[in-house]
Amino acid sequence: MSLDDLQDDVQGEYSDLDEVLSVDTDRETRNELAMLLAALDTDDPDELVRRGIHMLFQSAVETGNLDFHLRSEYDVTYDEYLLGATMDTYNDGGVGSGVGPDDPDDRRYQF
């Protein structure tokens, strides 16, 4: 698979989310969610689910777990996805943006 395949899959998954997203919870998950709702003083479980997804995504990026899975499935990294080209293409001069992984003006997804 390739960068184009990854971009197509991300766009497809994004458009399907509103139609298919429903989360069933088990007892442990409900207990943990109830604890977080009480501790974080909110009545909106959906907000905690959003926060949880953000935390999981950040953790996967920071630990390299996301890159491992992307490399295994699509043969690209998250940086390459953000750049819109593989590093091979970039290093071969195929990307004319002038912005690269070592460029201080790089507008990567930052935490």
C-alpha atoms as a PDB file:
ATOM      1  CA  MET A   1       0.000   0.000   0.000  1.00  0.00           C
ATOM      2  CA  SER A   2       1.081   3.586  -0.380  1.00  0.00           C
ATOM      3  CA  LEU A   3       0.624   7.158   0.763  1.00  0.00           C
ATOM      4  CA  ASP A   4      -2.251   7.574  -1.703  1.00  0.00           C
ATOM      5  CA  ASP A   5      -3.924   4.459  -0.267  1.00  0.00           C
ATOM      6  CA  LEU A   6      -3.548   5.857   3.253  1.00  0.00           C
ATOM      7  CA  GLN A   7      -5.011   9.229   2.261  1.00  0.00           C
ATOM      8  CA  ASP A   8      -7.965   7.505   0.561  1.00  0.00           C
ATOM      9  CA  ASP A   9      -8.554   5.274   3.589  1.00  0.00           C
ATOM     10  CA  VAL A  10      -8.405   8.208   6.053  1.00  0.00           C
ATOM     11  CA  GLN A  11     -10.893  10.211   3.975  1.00  0.00           C
ATOM     12  CA  GLY A  12     -13.191   7.194   3.661  1.00  0.00           C
ATOM     13  CA  GLU A  13     -13.078   6.432   7.378  1.00  0.00           C
ATOM     14  CA  TYR A  14     -13.684  10.085   8.242  1.00  0.00           C
ATOM     15  CA  SER A  15     -16.812  10.283   6.100  1.00  0.00           C
ATOM     16  CA  ASP A  16     -18.166   7.016   7.554  1.00  0.00           C
ATOM     17  CA  LEU A  17     -17.751   7.997  11.219  1.00  0.00           C
ATOM     18  CA  ASP A  18     -21.073   9.805  11.632  1.00  0.00           C
ATOM     19  CA  GLU A  19     -22.947   6.811  10.263  1.00  0.00           C
ATOM     20  CA  VAL A  20     -21.215   3.999  12.158  1.00  0.00           C
ATOM     21  CA  LEU A  21     -19.883   5.380  15.421  1.00  0.00           C
ATOM     22  CA  SER A  22     -21.666   3.936  18.399  1.00  0.00           C
ATOM     23  CA  VAL A  23     -19.758   2.644  21.347  1.00  0.00           C
ATOM     24  CA  ASP A  24     -20.957  -0.176  23.546  1.00  0.00           C
ATOM     25  CA  THR A  25     -19.350  -0.313  26.958  1.00  0.00           C
ATOM     26  CA  ASP A  26     -18.733  -3.082  29.423  1.00  0.00           C
ATOM     27  CA  ARG A  27     -18.968  -2.766  33.195  1.00  0.00           C
ATOM     28  CA  GLU A  28     -15.302  -1.823  33.653  1.00  0.00           C
ATOM     29  CA  THR A  29     -15.494   0.884  30.994  1.00  0.00           C
ATOM     30  CA  ARG A  30     -18.679   2.321  32.504  1.00  0.00           C
ATOM     31  CA  ASN A  31     -17.055   2.389  35.960  1.00  0.00           C
ATOM     32  CA  GLU A  32     -13.973   4.155  34.606  1.00  0.00           C
ATOM     33  CA  LEU A  33     -16.094   6.624  32.651  1.00  0.00           C
ATOM     34  CA  ALA A  34     -18.225   7.336  35.723  1.00  0.00           C
ATOM     35  CA  MET A  35     -15.076   7.972  37.774  1.00  0.00           C
ATOM     36  CA  LEU A  36     -13.736  10.381  35.153  1.00  0.00           C
ATOM     37  CA  LEU A  37     -17.077  12.175  34.878  1.00  0.00           C
ATOM     38  CA  ALA A  38     -17.132  12.702  38.631  1.00  0.00           C
ATOM     39  CA  ALA A  39     -13.450  13.625  38.958  1.00  0.00           C
ATOM     40  CA  LEU A  40     -13.388  15.992  35.997  1.00  0.00           C
ATOM     41  CA  ASP A  41     -16.708  17.577  36.978  1.00  0.00           C
ATOM     42  CA  THR A  42     -18.499  17.145  33.679  1.00  0.00           C
ATOM     43  CA  ASP A  43     -21.845  15.705  32.686  1.00  0.00           C
ATOM     44  CA  ASP A  44     -20.808  15.075  29.074  1.00  0.00           C
ATOM     45  CA  PRO A  45     -19.478  11.556  28.458  1.00  0.00           C
ATOM     46  CA  ASP A  46     -19.024  12.393  24.764  1.00  0.00           C
ATOM     47  CA  GLU A  47     -16.464  15.045  25.730  1.00  0.00           C
ATOM     48  CA  LEU A  48     -14.482  12.465  27.673  1.00  0.00           C
ATOM     49  CA  VAL A  49     -14.566  10.099  24.700  1.00  0.00           C
ATOM     50  CA  ARG A  50     -13.197  12.909  22.517  1.00  0.00           C
ATOM     51  CA  ARG A  51     -10.449  13.605  25.071  1.00  0.00           C
ATOM     52  CA  GLY A  52      -9.646   9.898  25.259  1.00  0.00           C
ATOM     53  CA  ILE A  53      -9.223   9.681  21.492  1.00  0.00           C
ATOM     54  CA  HIS A  54      -6.929  12.714  21.538  1.00  0.00           C
ATOM     55  CA  MET A  55      -4.828  11.152  24.300  1.00  0.00           C
ATOM     56  CA  LEU A  56      -4.598   7.795  22.520  1.00  0.00           C
ATOM     57  CA  PHE A  57      -3.603   9.509  19.270  1.00  0.00           C
ATOM     58  CA  GLN A  58      -0.970  11.649  21.006  1.00  0.00           C
ATOM     59  CA  SER A  59       0.450   8.623  22.798  1.00  0.00           C
ATOM     60  CA  ALA A  60       0.601   6.614  19.560  1.00  0.00           C
ATOM     61  CA  VAL A  61       2.445   9.448  17.791  1.00  0.00           C
ATOM     62  CA  GLU A  62       4.891  10.122  20.637  1.00  0.00           C
ATOM     63  CA  THR A  63       5.805   6.463  21.192  1.00  0.00           C
ATOM     64  CA  GLY A  64       6.221   5.696  17.489  1.00  0.00           C
ATOM     65  CA  ASN A  65       3.381   3.173  17.631  1.00  0.00           C
ATOM     66  CA  LEU A  66       1.438   5.021  14.909  1.00  0.00           C
ATOM     67  CA  ASP A  67       4.483   5.082  12.619  1.00  0.00           C
ATOM     68  CA  PHE A  68       5.049   1.366  13.225  1.00  0.00           C
ATOM     69  CA  HIS A  69       1.514   0.509  12.145  1.00  0.00           C
ATOM     70  CA  LEU A  70       1.499   2.954   9.229  1.00  0.00           C
ATOM     71  CA  ARG A  71       4.842   1.620   7.998  1.00  0.00           C
ATOM     72  CA  SER A  72       3.588  -1.965   8.318  1.00  0.00           C
ATOM     73  CA  GLU A  73       0.315  -1.332   6.500  1.00  0.00           C
ATOM     74  CA  TYR A  74       1.040   1.552   4.091  1.00  0.00           C
ATOM     75  CA  ASP A  75       4.854   1.795   3.984  1.00  0.00           C
ATOM     76  CA  VAL A  76       4.710   5.455   5.095  1.00  0.00           C
ATOM     77  CA  THR A  77       5.158   7.351   8.354  1.00  0.00           C
ATOM     78  CA  TYR A  78       2.911   9.984   9.904  1.00  0.00           C
ATOM     79  CA  ASP A  79       5.411  12.698   8.923  1.00  0.00           C
ATOM     80  CA  GLU A  80       5.257  11.507   5.316  1.00  0.00           C
ATOM     81  CA  TYR A  81       1.457  11.576   5.474  1.00  0.00           C
ATOM     82  CA  LEU A  82       1.556  15.183   6.738  1.00  0.00           C
ATOM     83  CA  LEU A  83       4.143  16.140   4.136  1.00  0.00           C
ATOM     84  CA  GLY A  84       2.049  14.552   1.399  1.00  0.00           C
ATOM     85  CA  ALA A  85       5.005  12.636   0.005  1.00  0.00           C
ATOM     86  CA  THR A  86       7.338   9.881   1.059  1.00  0.00           C
ATOM     87  CA  MET A  87      10.808  10.816   2.211  1.00  0.00           C
ATOM     88  CA  ASP A  88      12.200   9.059  -0.865  1.00  0.00           C
ATOM     89  CA  THR A  89      10.213  11.430  -3.075  1.00  0.00           C
ATOM     90  CA  TYR A  90      11.241  14.402  -0.960  1.00  0.00           C
ATOM     91  CA  ASN A  91      14.924  13.435  -0.959  1.00  0.00           C
ATOM     92  CA  ASP A  92      14.852  12.886  -4.721  1.00  0.00           C
ATOM     93  CA  GLY A  93      13.665  16.453  -5.233  1.00  0.00           C
ATOM     94  CA  GLY A  94      10.124  15.395  -6.139  1.00  0.00           C
ATOM     95  CA  VAL A  95       8.513  17.762  -3.679  1.00  0.00           C
ATOM     96  CA  GLY A  96       9.120  21.418  -4.406  1.00  0.00           C
ATOM     97  CA  SER A  97       7.697  22.927  -1.239  1.00  0.00           C
ATOM     98  CA  GLY A  98      11.076  23.587   0.350  1.00  0.00           C
ATOM     99  CA  VAL A  99       9.676  22.479   3.696  1.00  0.00           C
ATOM    100  CA  GLY A 100      11.188  19.347   5.115  1.00  0.00           C
ATOM    101  CA  PRO A 101      11.470  17.476   8.369  1.00  0.00           C
ATOM    102  CA  ASP A 102      14.405  19.624   9.583  1.00  0.00           C
ATOM    103  CA  ASP A 103      12.909  22.938   8.449  1.00  0.00           C
ATOM    104  CA  PRO A 104      11.943  25.240  11.374  1.00  0.00           C
ATOM    105  CA  ASP A 105       8.965  26.509   9.318  1.00  0.00           C
ATOM    106  CA  ASP A 106       7.543  22.999   9.053  1.00  0.00           C
ATOM    107  CA  ARG A 107       3.855  23.129  10.061  1.00  0.00           C
ATOM    108  CA  ARG A 108       3.603  19.603  11.410  1.00  0.00           C
ATOM    109  CA  TYR A 109       0.868  18.511  13.759  1.00  0.00           C
ATOM    110  CA  GLN A 110       2.186  19.745  17.103  1.00  0.00           C
ATOM    111  CA  PHE A 111       1.135  18.838  20.635  1.00  0.00           C
END
